[in-house]
Amino acid sequence: MKLKTLFSVILLFSFVSNLQAHGRTKKHRSKHRSNSKIVVRYHTYPRWHHNYWHYDYHWNYRPAIVKQSNMVLTDADLIIEQIEKLKEMQESGIITEKEFGKVKKRLLNRIGELIPKNKVDNSTEAVSQLEKLYELEQKDILTEKEYDKQKKKMLDLI
């Protein structure tokens, strides 16, 4: 009886220790190296008399994909000119001081960044169209409400 319990305890202990050491899955799996390897094989075919070395170039890296983009580096001189125009507009009453501050901050954050080419073109056109909208509002062609709505759209484009 003692021999039977001793054997069952040893068996149980070995099972539990194995489970504790390795868990339910294998924790230490073999790691795959990421460097390139050259596999060399020597082929011999019976009765063919064509013994040769075979080199398999096996590369383990992903090729780099380069996408062409229309991103351009912003021109600081162009941004400064736009800020000066906006300052003149603010002094003449076309835009408010709060709107000028928002747009100025947005423009200054663009210096030294890559932005899409069409965004640069849109911002220069938006400043000139803002002046034209103000002229239309002064001639009473646009109402003040319509002017404010269009002005917000133009300032968002900048």
N, C-alpha and C. Protein backbone atom coordinates (compact mmCIF):
# COMPACT_ATOMS: atom_id res chain seq x y z
N MET A 1 0.82 -1.19 0.00
CA MET A 1 0.00 0.00 0.00
C MET A 1 0.87 1.26 0.00
N LYS A 2 1.93 1.25 0.82
CA LYS A 2 2.82 2.40 0.87
C LYS A 2 3.55 2.59 -0.45
N LEU A 3 3.89 1.49 -1.06
CA LEU A 3 4.58 1.57 -2.34
C LEU A 3 3.68 2.17 -3.41
N LYS A 4 2.43 1.83 -3.37
CA LYS A 4 1.46 2.35 -4.33
C LYS A 4 1.26 3.85 -4.14
N THR A 5 1.12 4.31 -2.91
CA THR A 5 0.95 5.75 -2.65
C THR A 5 2.22 6.52 -2.97
N LEU A 6 3.38 5.92 -2.66
CA LEU A 6 4.65 6.57 -2.97
C LEU A 6 4.79 6.74 -4.49
N PHE A 7 4.46 5.70 -5.22
CA PHE A 7 4.53 5.76 -6.68
C PHE A 7 3.56 6.80 -7.25
N SER A 8 2.34 6.86 -6.72
CA SER A 8 1.37 7.84 -7.21
C SER A 8 1.78 9.27 -6.85
N VAL A 9 2.40 9.47 -5.67
CA VAL A 9 2.88 10.80 -5.28
C VAL A 9 4.01 11.23 -6.20
N ILE A 10 4.93 10.32 -6.50
CA ILE A 10 6.05 10.66 -7.39
C ILE A 10 5.52 10.99 -8.79
N LEU A 11 4.58 10.20 -9.25
CA LEU A 11 3.99 10.45 -10.57
C LEU A 11 3.25 11.79 -10.60
N LEU A 12 2.49 12.07 -9.57
CA LEU A 12 1.77 13.34 -9.48
C LEU A 12 2.74 14.51 -9.38
N PHE A 13 3.80 14.35 -8.56
CA PHE A 13 4.79 15.42 -8.40
C PHE A 13 5.50 15.72 -9.73
N SER A 14 5.86 14.67 -10.49
CA SER A 14 6.54 14.89 -11.76
C SER A 14 5.61 15.58 -12.77
N PHE A 15 4.34 15.22 -12.75
CA PHE A 15 3.39 15.85 -13.66
C PHE A 15 3.19 17.33 -13.32
N VAL A 16 3.04 17.64 -12.02
CA VAL A 16 2.83 19.02 -11.60
C VAL A 16 4.07 19.86 -11.84
N SER A 17 5.26 19.32 -11.56
CA SER A 17 6.49 20.08 -11.78
C SER A 17 6.70 20.35 -13.27
N ASN A 18 6.36 19.38 -14.10
CA ASN A 18 6.47 19.57 -15.54
C ASN A 18 5.51 20.65 -16.01
N LEU A 19 4.31 20.65 -15.47
CA LEU A 19 3.31 21.66 -15.83
C LEU A 19 3.75 23.04 -15.36
N GLN A 20 4.35 23.11 -14.18
CA GLN A 20 4.82 24.40 -13.65
C GLN A 20 5.99 24.92 -14.48
N ALA A 21 6.86 24.04 -14.93
CA ALA A 21 8.05 24.47 -15.66
C ALA A 21 7.70 24.95 -17.06
N HIS A 22 6.79 24.24 -17.74
CA HIS A 22 6.51 24.56 -19.13
C HIS A 22 5.15 25.18 -19.37
N GLY A 23 4.26 25.10 -18.44
CA GLY A 23 2.93 25.64 -18.65
C GLY A 23 2.16 24.78 -19.64
N ARG A 24 1.08 25.31 -20.14
CA ARG A 24 0.27 24.53 -21.08
C ARG A 24 0.85 24.55 -22.48
N THR A 25 1.61 25.60 -22.79
CA THR A 25 2.24 25.67 -24.11
C THR A 25 3.73 25.82 -23.93
N LYS A 26 4.45 25.62 -24.98
CA LYS A 26 5.89 25.76 -24.93
C LYS A 26 6.23 27.25 -24.90
N LYS A 27 6.88 27.69 -23.84
CA LYS A 27 7.15 29.11 -23.67
C LYS A 27 8.37 29.57 -24.45
N HIS A 28 9.36 28.73 -24.53
CA HIS A 28 10.60 29.13 -25.19
C HIS A 28 10.62 28.53 -26.58
N ARG A 29 10.03 29.23 -27.51
CA ARG A 29 10.01 28.75 -28.89
C ARG A 29 11.27 29.22 -29.59
N SER A 30 11.63 28.52 -30.63
CA SER A 30 12.83 28.91 -31.36
C SER A 30 12.58 30.23 -32.06
N LYS A 31 13.54 31.10 -32.02
CA LYS A 31 13.41 32.42 -32.59
C LYS A 31 13.91 32.39 -34.04
N HIS A 32 13.17 33.06 -34.92
CA HIS A 32 13.56 33.12 -36.32
C HIS A 32 14.48 34.31 -36.52
N ARG A 33 15.60 34.08 -37.11
CA ARG A 33 16.54 35.16 -37.35
C ARG A 33 16.07 35.97 -38.56
N SER A 34 16.36 37.25 -38.52
CA SER A 34 15.91 38.11 -39.60
C SER A 34 16.99 38.38 -40.64
N ASN A 35 18.20 37.88 -40.43
CA ASN A 35 19.24 38.14 -41.42
C ASN A 35 19.14 37.15 -42.57
N SER A 36 19.85 37.46 -43.64
CA SER A 36 19.75 36.62 -44.84
C SER A 36 20.64 35.39 -44.70
N LYS A 37 20.23 34.33 -45.36
CA LYS A 37 20.98 33.07 -45.31
C LYS A 37 21.18 32.56 -46.73
N ILE A 38 22.22 31.81 -46.91
CA ILE A 38 22.43 31.11 -48.17
C ILE A 38 22.40 29.62 -47.86
N VAL A 39 21.50 28.92 -48.50
CA VAL A 39 21.35 27.49 -48.29
C VAL A 39 22.11 26.77 -49.39
N VAL A 40 23.02 25.89 -49.01
CA VAL A 40 23.83 25.17 -49.99
C VAL A 40 23.44 23.70 -49.95
N ARG A 41 23.15 23.14 -51.10
CA ARG A 41 22.79 21.72 -51.18
C ARG A 41 23.64 21.05 -52.27
N TYR A 42 23.99 19.81 -52.01
CA TYR A 42 24.72 19.03 -53.00
C TYR A 42 23.78 17.95 -53.51
N HIS A 43 23.43 18.03 -54.79
CA HIS A 43 22.47 17.09 -55.37
C HIS A 43 23.21 15.95 -56.05
N THR A 44 22.79 14.76 -55.73
CA THR A 44 23.29 13.58 -56.45
C THR A 44 22.09 12.77 -56.87
N TYR A 45 22.01 12.47 -58.13
CA TYR A 45 20.92 11.66 -58.65
C TYR A 45 21.51 10.34 -59.15
N PRO A 46 20.95 9.23 -58.74
CA PRO A 46 21.51 7.95 -59.20
C PRO A 46 21.34 7.77 -60.71
N ARG A 47 22.37 7.29 -61.33
CA ARG A 47 22.43 6.96 -62.76
C ARG A 47 22.37 8.19 -63.66
N TRP A 48 22.40 9.37 -63.14
CA TRP A 48 22.34 10.55 -64.00
C TRP A 48 23.72 11.15 -64.23
N HIS A 49 24.60 10.98 -63.31
CA HIS A 49 25.96 11.51 -63.37
C HIS A 49 25.98 13.03 -63.47
N HIS A 50 24.95 13.69 -62.89
CA HIS A 50 24.91 15.15 -62.85
C HIS A 50 24.96 15.60 -61.39
N ASN A 51 26.14 15.61 -60.84
CA ASN A 51 26.30 16.08 -59.48
C ASN A 51 26.61 17.58 -59.53
N TYR A 52 25.87 18.37 -58.80
CA TYR A 52 26.11 19.81 -58.84
C TYR A 52 25.72 20.44 -57.51
N TRP A 53 26.24 21.63 -57.29
CA TRP A 53 25.90 22.42 -56.10
C TRP A 53 24.75 23.35 -56.46
N HIS A 54 23.85 23.48 -55.54
CA HIS A 54 22.66 24.32 -55.77
C HIS A 54 22.61 25.39 -54.69
N TYR A 55 22.58 26.64 -55.09
CA TYR A 55 22.53 27.74 -54.13
C TYR A 55 21.13 28.32 -54.10
N ASP A 56 20.53 28.35 -52.93
CA ASP A 56 19.22 29.00 -52.75
C ASP A 56 19.45 30.30 -51.99
N TYR A 57 19.18 31.39 -52.62
CA TYR A 57 19.28 32.66 -51.91
C TYR A 57 17.96 32.90 -51.22
N HIS A 58 17.98 32.87 -49.94
CA HIS A 58 16.75 32.97 -49.15
C HIS A 58 16.81 34.27 -48.34
N TRP A 59 16.10 35.29 -48.77
CA TRP A 59 16.16 36.59 -48.11
C TRP A 59 14.99 36.72 -47.14
N ASN A 60 15.28 37.22 -45.97
CA ASN A 60 14.27 37.33 -44.93
C ASN A 60 13.90 38.77 -44.62
N TYR A 61 13.83 39.62 -45.59
CA TYR A 61 13.44 41.00 -45.34
C TYR A 61 12.33 41.39 -46.30
N ARG A 62 11.59 42.41 -45.92
CA ARG A 62 10.52 42.90 -46.78
C ARG A 62 11.05 44.01 -47.66
N PRO A 63 10.68 44.03 -48.91
CA PRO A 63 11.15 45.11 -49.78
C PRO A 63 10.50 46.43 -49.40
N ALA A 64 11.25 47.50 -49.54
CA ALA A 64 10.72 48.82 -49.23
C ALA A 64 9.89 49.32 -50.40
N ILE A 65 8.70 49.80 -50.10
CA ILE A 65 7.81 50.33 -51.13
C ILE A 65 7.81 51.85 -50.99
N VAL A 66 8.22 52.51 -52.04
CA VAL A 66 8.30 53.97 -52.02
C VAL A 66 7.13 54.52 -52.83
N LYS A 67 6.32 55.32 -52.19
CA LYS A 67 5.19 55.93 -52.88
C LYS A 67 5.52 57.39 -53.17
N GLN A 68 5.22 57.78 -54.39
CA GLN A 68 5.42 59.18 -54.73
C GLN A 68 4.28 59.99 -54.15
N SER A 69 4.62 61.10 -53.56
CA SER A 69 3.57 61.93 -52.97
C SER A 69 3.71 63.36 -53.48
N ASN A 70 2.67 64.11 -53.27
CA ASN A 70 2.68 65.51 -53.71
C ASN A 70 2.95 66.43 -52.53
N MET A 71 3.69 65.94 -51.54
CA MET A 71 4.00 66.74 -50.37
C MET A 71 5.17 67.68 -50.68
N VAL A 72 5.03 68.91 -50.23
CA VAL A 72 6.08 69.90 -50.43
C VAL A 72 6.40 70.56 -49.10
N LEU A 73 7.60 71.07 -48.99
CA LEU A 73 8.01 71.80 -47.80
C LEU A 73 7.46 73.22 -47.91
N THR A 74 6.88 73.70 -46.84
CA THR A 74 6.26 75.03 -46.90
C THR A 74 7.33 76.11 -47.00
N ASP A 75 6.98 77.14 -47.72
CA ASP A 75 7.88 78.26 -47.92
C ASP A 75 7.58 79.32 -46.86
N ALA A 76 8.57 79.63 -46.04
CA ALA A 76 8.36 80.58 -44.94
C ALA A 76 8.05 81.98 -45.47
N ASP A 77 8.67 82.37 -46.59
CA ASP A 77 8.41 83.70 -47.15
C ASP A 77 6.96 83.85 -47.59
N LEU A 78 6.41 82.80 -48.20
CA LEU A 78 5.02 82.83 -48.64
C LEU A 78 4.08 82.95 -47.44
N ILE A 79 4.38 82.22 -46.38
CA ILE A 79 3.54 82.27 -45.18
C ILE A 79 3.60 83.65 -44.53
N ILE A 80 4.79 84.24 -44.49
CA ILE A 80 4.94 85.58 -43.90
C ILE A 80 4.16 86.61 -44.72
N GLU A 81 4.20 86.47 -46.06
CA GLU A 81 3.41 87.38 -46.91
C GLU A 81 1.92 87.25 -46.62
N GLN A 82 1.46 86.01 -46.45
CA GLN A 82 0.04 85.79 -46.15
C GLN A 82 -0.33 86.40 -44.80
N ILE A 83 0.56 86.26 -43.81
CA ILE A 83 0.28 86.84 -42.49
C ILE A 83 0.23 88.36 -42.58
N GLU A 84 1.14 88.95 -43.38
CA GLU A 84 1.12 90.41 -43.55
C GLU A 84 -0.18 90.87 -44.21
N LYS A 85 -0.64 90.13 -45.24
CA LYS A 85 -1.90 90.49 -45.89
C LYS A 85 -3.06 90.38 -44.91
N LEU A 86 -3.05 89.31 -44.11
CA LEU A 86 -4.12 89.14 -43.12
C LEU A 86 -4.08 90.24 -42.07
N LYS A 87 -2.88 90.70 -41.72
CA LYS A 87 -2.75 91.80 -40.74
C LYS A 87 -3.36 93.08 -41.31
N GLU A 88 -3.09 93.34 -42.61
CA GLU A 88 -3.70 94.50 -43.26
C GLU A 88 -5.21 94.38 -43.28
N MET A 89 -5.71 93.16 -43.53
CA MET A 89 -7.16 92.94 -43.52
C MET A 89 -7.75 93.18 -42.14
N GLN A 90 -7.01 92.78 -41.13
CA GLN A 90 -7.49 92.97 -39.76
C GLN A 90 -7.53 94.46 -39.40
N GLU A 91 -6.51 95.19 -39.84
CA GLU A 91 -6.47 96.63 -39.56
C GLU A 91 -7.57 97.37 -40.31
N SER A 92 -7.91 96.89 -41.50
CA SER A 92 -8.97 97.56 -42.26
C SER A 92 -10.36 97.08 -41.85
N GLY A 93 -10.44 96.06 -41.00
CA GLY A 93 -11.74 95.61 -40.48
C GLY A 93 -12.38 94.49 -41.26
N ILE A 94 -11.65 93.87 -42.16
CA ILE A 94 -12.22 92.76 -42.93
C ILE A 94 -12.39 91.53 -42.03
N ILE A 95 -11.39 91.23 -41.22
CA ILE A 95 -11.49 90.11 -40.28
C ILE A 95 -11.26 90.63 -38.87
N THR A 96 -11.75 89.86 -37.90
CA THR A 96 -11.61 90.29 -36.50
C THR A 96 -10.24 89.87 -35.97
N GLU A 97 -9.92 90.38 -34.79
CA GLU A 97 -8.63 90.06 -34.17
C GLU A 97 -8.56 88.58 -33.77
N LYS A 98 -9.69 88.04 -33.33
CA LYS A 98 -9.75 86.64 -32.92
C LYS A 98 -9.51 85.71 -34.12
N GLU A 99 -10.16 86.04 -35.26
CA GLU A 99 -9.96 85.24 -36.47
C GLU A 99 -8.53 85.35 -36.97
N PHE A 100 -7.97 86.55 -36.88
CA PHE A 100 -6.58 86.75 -37.29
C PHE A 100 -5.64 85.91 -36.44
N GLY A 101 -5.89 85.87 -35.13
CA GLY A 101 -5.05 85.08 -34.23
C GLY A 101 -5.08 83.59 -34.55
N LYS A 102 -6.28 83.07 -34.85
CA LYS A 102 -6.42 81.65 -35.17
C LYS A 102 -5.66 81.30 -36.46
N VAL A 103 -5.89 82.11 -37.49
CA VAL A 103 -5.27 81.83 -38.79
C VAL A 103 -3.75 82.02 -38.71
N LYS A 104 -3.31 83.03 -37.97
CA LYS A 104 -1.87 83.27 -37.82
C LYS A 104 -1.20 82.08 -37.13
N LYS A 105 -1.84 81.57 -36.09
CA LYS A 105 -1.29 80.42 -35.37
C LYS A 105 -1.21 79.20 -36.29
N ARG A 106 -2.26 78.97 -37.08
CA ARG A 106 -2.28 77.84 -38.01
C ARG A 106 -1.18 77.98 -39.06
N LEU A 107 -1.00 79.19 -39.59
CA LEU A 107 0.03 79.40 -40.60
C LEU A 107 1.43 79.25 -40.02
N LEU A 108 1.67 79.76 -38.82
CA LEU A 108 3.00 79.64 -38.22
C LEU A 108 3.34 78.19 -37.89
N ASN A 109 2.35 77.38 -37.58
CA ASN A 109 2.62 75.96 -37.31
C ASN A 109 3.01 75.21 -38.58
N ARG A 110 2.68 75.75 -39.75
CA ARG A 110 3.01 75.08 -41.01
C ARG A 110 4.46 75.27 -41.41
N ILE A 111 5.16 76.24 -40.85
CA ILE A 111 6.54 76.51 -41.27
C ILE A 111 7.41 75.29 -40.96
N GLY A 112 8.12 74.80 -41.97
CA GLY A 112 9.01 73.66 -41.81
C GLY A 112 8.33 72.31 -41.87
N GLU A 113 7.06 72.25 -42.26
CA GLU A 113 6.35 70.98 -42.35
C GLU A 113 6.11 70.61 -43.81
N LEU A 114 5.90 69.33 -44.02
CA LEU A 114 5.49 68.86 -45.34
C LEU A 114 3.97 68.87 -45.41
N ILE A 115 3.45 69.58 -46.38
CA ILE A 115 1.99 69.63 -46.56
C ILE A 115 1.68 69.36 -48.03
N PRO A 116 0.47 68.95 -48.35
CA PRO A 116 0.11 68.72 -49.76
C PRO A 116 0.21 70.00 -50.58
N LYS A 117 0.63 69.84 -51.83
CA LYS A 117 0.83 71.00 -52.71
C LYS A 117 -0.45 71.79 -52.90
N ASN A 118 -1.59 71.10 -53.00
CA ASN A 118 -2.84 71.83 -53.24
C ASN A 118 -3.23 72.68 -52.03
N LYS A 119 -2.78 72.33 -50.83
CA LYS A 119 -3.09 73.14 -49.65
C LYS A 119 -2.36 74.49 -49.72
N VAL A 120 -1.13 74.49 -50.25
CA VAL A 120 -0.39 75.75 -50.40
C VAL A 120 -1.11 76.64 -51.40
N ASP A 121 -1.53 76.07 -52.53
CA ASP A 121 -2.23 76.85 -53.55
C ASP A 121 -3.56 77.38 -53.02
N ASN A 122 -4.28 76.53 -52.26
CA ASN A 122 -5.58 76.94 -51.73
C ASN A 122 -5.46 78.11 -50.75
N SER A 123 -4.41 78.10 -49.93
CA SER A 123 -4.29 79.17 -48.93
C SER A 123 -3.99 80.52 -49.58
N THR A 124 -3.19 80.53 -50.65
CA THR A 124 -2.92 81.81 -51.32
C THR A 124 -4.16 82.32 -52.03
N GLU A 125 -4.92 81.40 -52.64
CA GLU A 125 -6.15 81.81 -53.32
C GLU A 125 -7.21 82.27 -52.32
N ALA A 126 -7.24 81.65 -51.16
CA ALA A 126 -8.26 82.00 -50.16
C ALA A 126 -8.06 83.42 -49.64
N VAL A 127 -6.81 83.84 -49.48
CA VAL A 127 -6.56 85.21 -49.00
C VAL A 127 -7.04 86.23 -50.03
N SER A 128 -6.74 85.97 -51.31
CA SER A 128 -7.18 86.93 -52.34
C SER A 128 -8.70 86.92 -52.50
N GLN A 129 -9.33 85.76 -52.36
CA GLN A 129 -10.79 85.71 -52.47
C GLN A 129 -11.47 86.36 -51.27
N LEU A 130 -10.81 86.35 -50.14
CA LEU A 130 -11.36 87.01 -48.96
C LEU A 130 -11.45 88.52 -49.18
N GLU A 131 -10.43 89.08 -49.84
CA GLU A 131 -10.47 90.51 -50.17
C GLU A 131 -11.61 90.81 -51.15
N LYS A 132 -11.80 89.93 -52.14
CA LYS A 132 -12.87 90.14 -53.11
C LYS A 132 -14.25 90.05 -52.45
N LEU A 133 -14.39 89.11 -51.51
CA LEU A 133 -15.66 89.00 -50.79
C LEU A 133 -15.96 90.26 -49.99
N TYR A 134 -14.92 90.85 -49.41
CA TYR A 134 -15.10 92.08 -48.63
C TYR A 134 -15.55 93.22 -49.54
N GLU A 135 -14.96 93.28 -50.74
CA GLU A 135 -15.38 94.32 -51.68
C GLU A 135 -16.85 94.14 -52.08
N LEU A 136 -17.28 92.89 -52.28
CA LEU A 136 -18.68 92.63 -52.61
C LEU A 136 -19.60 93.02 -51.45
N GLU A 137 -19.13 92.81 -50.25
CA GLU A 137 -19.95 93.17 -49.08
C GLU A 137 -20.03 94.69 -48.93
N GLN A 138 -18.96 95.40 -49.27
CA GLN A 138 -18.96 96.86 -49.20
C GLN A 138 -19.88 97.48 -50.27
N LYS A 139 -20.01 96.79 -51.41
CA LYS A 139 -20.88 97.29 -52.48
C LYS A 139 -22.33 96.87 -52.27
N ASP A 140 -22.64 96.24 -51.14
CA ASP A 140 -23.97 95.76 -50.78
C ASP A 140 -24.49 94.69 -51.73
N ILE A 141 -23.60 93.95 -52.37
CA ILE A 141 -24.01 92.81 -53.18
C ILE A 141 -24.24 91.59 -52.28
N LEU A 142 -23.39 91.43 -51.28
CA LEU A 142 -23.54 90.36 -50.28
C LEU A 142 -24.07 90.96 -48.99
N THR A 143 -24.92 90.20 -48.32
CA THR A 143 -25.36 90.64 -47.00
C THR A 143 -24.27 90.30 -45.99
N GLU A 144 -24.40 90.88 -44.80
CA GLU A 144 -23.40 90.64 -43.77
C GLU A 144 -23.38 89.17 -43.34
N LYS A 145 -24.56 88.56 -43.32
CA LYS A 145 -24.66 87.15 -42.93
C LYS A 145 -23.98 86.25 -43.96
N GLU A 146 -24.23 86.52 -45.25
CA GLU A 146 -23.61 85.73 -46.32
C GLU A 146 -22.09 85.92 -46.31
N TYR A 147 -21.68 87.17 -46.07
CA TYR A 147 -20.25 87.46 -46.03
C TYR A 147 -19.57 86.70 -44.89
N ASP A 148 -20.18 86.70 -43.71
CA ASP A 148 -19.60 85.99 -42.56
C ASP A 148 -19.49 84.49 -42.82
N LYS A 149 -20.52 83.94 -43.46
CA LYS A 149 -20.51 82.51 -43.78
C LYS A 149 -19.37 82.17 -44.75
N GLN A 150 -19.24 82.96 -45.81
CA GLN A 150 -18.17 82.72 -46.79
C GLN A 150 -16.79 82.99 -46.19
N LYS A 151 -16.72 84.00 -45.31
CA LYS A 151 -15.45 84.33 -44.67
C LYS A 151 -14.96 83.17 -43.82
N LYS A 152 -15.86 82.52 -43.09
CA LYS A 152 -15.48 81.37 -42.27
C LYS A 152 -14.96 80.23 -43.14
N LYS A 153 -15.61 80.01 -44.29
CA LYS A 153 -15.15 78.96 -45.19
C LYS A 153 -13.74 79.25 -45.71
N MET A 154 -13.51 80.51 -46.09
CA MET A 154 -12.20 80.88 -46.62
C MET A 154 -11.12 80.78 -45.55
N LEU A 155 -11.44 81.18 -44.32
CA LEU A 155 -10.45 81.10 -43.24
C LEU A 155 -10.14 79.66 -42.87
N ASP A 156 -11.09 78.75 -43.05
CA ASP A 156 -10.82 77.34 -42.80
C ASP A 156 -9.90 76.74 -43.86
N LEU A 157 -9.95 77.30 -45.08
CA LEU A 157 -9.07 76.81 -46.14
C LEU A 157 -7.62 77.23 -45.92
N ILE A 158 -7.42 78.32 -45.23
CA ILE A 158 -6.06 78.83 -45.02
C ILE A 158 -5.33 77.93 -44.04
